[in-house]
């Protein structure tokens, strides 16, 4: 049975591809879960419209991400932590702490978009990248100081 995929699906193909699958697999799994449409001309038009809307949405999100990146490039965050002897930190600074400080300054950034290889465990100044969109990245300065 020929079907048109609505979304990228592992081992089958990408969105918009016309693929041949067994009838039971299409009828019992792909069609009810709205992963695919039957390969008919009216569904081809629907897929093209869905692609166009998805591209338009992606362009809009990228534009918003670029605007936010320009705002964030001039932002610096100061996080004060308690330290012990020889300026050794208790705990560490994580992406959640940075996201909370950014939110206090009025910048709403999801903590999962803040790219930290590992938590910050020493005092100092760090440049932390924020991945806002696949091609859009902003760097902020994080100052870790003692209380």
Protein backbone atom coordinates (compact mmCIF):
# COMPACT_ATOMS: atom_id res chain seq x y z
CA UNK A 1 0.00 0.00 0.00
CA UNK A 2 1.36 3.44 -0.90
CA UNK A 3 1.26 6.16 1.73
CA UNK A 4 2.50 9.75 2.12
CA UNK A 5 4.42 10.45 5.32
CA UNK A 6 3.28 13.49 7.32
CA UNK A 7 6.43 13.59 9.42
CA UNK A 8 9.93 12.18 9.43
CA UNK A 9 9.78 8.57 10.54
CA UNK A 10 12.78 6.40 11.29
CA UNK A 11 13.33 3.51 8.84
CA UNK A 12 10.58 4.76 6.50
CA UNK A 13 11.49 8.20 5.21
CA UNK A 14 11.03 11.93 5.56
CA UNK A 15 7.90 14.05 5.59
CA UNK A 16 6.28 14.21 2.14
CA UNK A 17 7.85 10.98 0.86
CA UNK A 18 5.62 8.46 -0.85
CA UNK A 19 6.55 5.01 0.44
CA UNK A 20 5.23 1.51 -0.02
CA UNK A 21 4.36 -0.39 3.18
CA UNK A 22 2.35 -3.47 4.06
CA UNK A 23 -1.40 -2.76 4.20
CA UNK A 24 -1.80 -3.89 7.82
CA UNK A 25 1.03 -1.65 9.02
CA UNK A 26 -0.52 1.35 7.28
CA UNK A 27 -4.11 0.60 8.27
CA UNK A 28 -3.45 -0.36 11.91
CA UNK A 29 -0.54 1.90 12.88
CA UNK A 30 0.48 4.71 10.52
CA UNK A 31 -2.96 6.01 9.52
CA UNK A 32 -4.65 5.95 12.99
CA UNK A 33 -1.66 7.72 14.60
CA UNK A 34 -1.75 10.33 11.81
CA UNK A 35 1.85 9.61 10.83
CA UNK A 36 0.81 9.13 7.20
CA UNK A 37 -1.98 9.67 4.66
CA UNK A 38 -3.07 7.36 1.85
CA UNK A 39 -1.27 8.25 -1.41
CA UNK A 40 -4.09 10.14 -3.15
CA UNK A 41 -3.90 13.49 -5.00
CA UNK A 42 -5.92 15.44 -2.43
CA UNK A 43 -3.58 14.30 0.35
CA UNK A 44 -0.56 15.40 -1.69
CA UNK A 45 -1.98 18.93 -1.67
CA UNK A 46 -2.57 18.69 2.08
CA UNK A 47 1.05 17.64 2.67
CA UNK A 48 2.33 20.54 0.55
CA UNK A 49 0.18 22.96 2.59
CA UNK A 50 1.45 21.46 5.87
CA UNK A 51 5.06 21.85 4.65
CA UNK A 52 4.44 25.46 3.71
CA UNK A 53 2.92 26.23 7.11
CA UNK A 54 5.77 24.46 8.91
CA UNK A 55 8.39 26.46 6.97
CA UNK A 56 6.55 29.70 7.70
CA UNK A 57 6.40 28.83 11.42
CA UNK A 58 10.12 27.96 11.44
CA UNK A 59 11.02 31.29 9.77
CA UNK A 60 8.98 33.18 12.36
CA UNK A 61 10.58 31.28 15.28
CA UNK A 62 14.06 31.87 13.85
CA UNK A 63 13.39 35.60 13.54
CA UNK A 64 12.23 35.76 17.17
CA UNK A 65 15.28 33.74 18.26
CA UNK A 66 17.63 36.13 16.40
CA UNK A 67 16.00 39.13 18.09
CA UNK A 68 16.38 37.47 21.50
CA UNK A 69 20.03 36.61 20.69
CA UNK A 70 20.84 40.26 20.02
CA UNK A 71 19.26 41.22 23.34
CA UNK A 72 21.08 38.48 25.24
CA UNK A 73 24.50 39.24 23.74
CA UNK A 74 24.79 42.31 25.98
CA UNK A 75 23.49 40.61 29.12
CA UNK A 76 25.68 39.62 32.05
CA UNK A 77 24.48 37.60 35.03
CA UNK A 78 25.97 37.76 38.50
CA UNK A 79 25.47 34.76 40.75
CA UNK A 80 26.67 34.97 44.32
CA UNK A 81 27.54 31.70 46.03
CA UNK A 82 28.71 30.78 49.49
CA UNK A 83 32.33 29.72 49.71
CA UNK A 84 34.49 28.06 52.32
CA UNK A 85 38.20 28.10 52.96
CA UNK A 86 40.44 29.02 50.04
CA UNK A 87 37.40 30.23 48.04
CA UNK A 88 36.08 26.69 47.54
CA UNK A 89 32.42 26.74 46.52
CA UNK A 90 29.69 24.83 48.29
CA UNK A 91 27.73 23.19 45.48
CA UNK A 92 27.85 24.46 41.91
CA UNK A 93 26.15 26.82 39.47
CA UNK A 94 23.87 25.00 37.04
CA UNK A 95 21.86 25.99 33.99
CA UNK A 96 18.79 26.22 36.22
CA UNK A 97 20.50 28.88 38.37
CA UNK A 98 21.47 30.86 35.27
CA UNK A 99 17.92 30.60 33.87
CA UNK A 100 16.50 31.87 37.19
CA UNK A 101 18.83 34.89 37.15
CA UNK A 102 17.95 35.64 33.53
CA UNK A 103 14.27 35.48 34.42
CA UNK A 104 14.83 37.99 37.25
CA UNK A 105 16.31 40.35 34.63
CA UNK A 106 13.25 39.87 32.40
CA UNK A 107 14.67 37.43 29.83
CA UNK A 108 12.66 34.21 29.57
CA UNK A 109 15.05 31.42 28.54
CA UNK A 110 14.41 27.71 28.94
CA UNK A 111 17.11 26.08 31.07
CA UNK A 112 17.50 23.26 28.54
CA UNK A 113 18.72 25.78 25.96
CA UNK A 114 21.61 26.88 28.18
CA UNK A 115 24.63 24.84 27.13
CA UNK A 116 26.88 23.92 30.05
CA UNK A 117 29.24 21.00 29.54
CA UNK A 118 29.36 20.59 33.31
CA UNK A 119 28.21 22.73 36.23
CA UNK A 120 30.41 25.69 37.20
CA UNK A 121 32.36 24.81 40.34
CA UNK A 122 34.77 27.74 40.72
CA UNK A 123 34.58 31.49 41.12
CA UNK A 124 35.24 33.57 38.01
CA UNK A 125 33.83 34.93 34.78
CA UNK A 126 32.41 32.49 32.26
CA UNK A 127 31.02 32.84 28.76
CA UNK A 128 27.98 30.58 28.53
CA UNK A 129 26.35 29.78 25.16
CA UNK A 130 22.57 29.66 24.82
CA UNK A 131 21.25 27.67 21.85
CA UNK A 132 18.02 29.47 20.95
CA UNK A 133 17.41 27.83 17.56
CA UNK A 134 19.44 25.31 15.52
CA UNK A 135 21.44 28.08 13.77
CA UNK A 136 21.02 30.82 16.39
CA UNK A 137 23.25 30.99 19.46
CA UNK A 138 23.86 33.76 21.99
CA UNK A 139 26.66 34.07 24.54
CA UNK A 140 26.14 35.63 27.95
CA UNK A 141 28.67 36.45 30.65
CA UNK A 142 28.20 34.73 33.97
CA UNK A 143 30.01 36.23 36.95
CA UNK A 144 30.32 33.79 39.83
CA UNK A 145 31.23 35.76 42.97
CA UNK A 146 31.29 35.00 46.68
CA UNK A 147 28.59 36.30 48.98
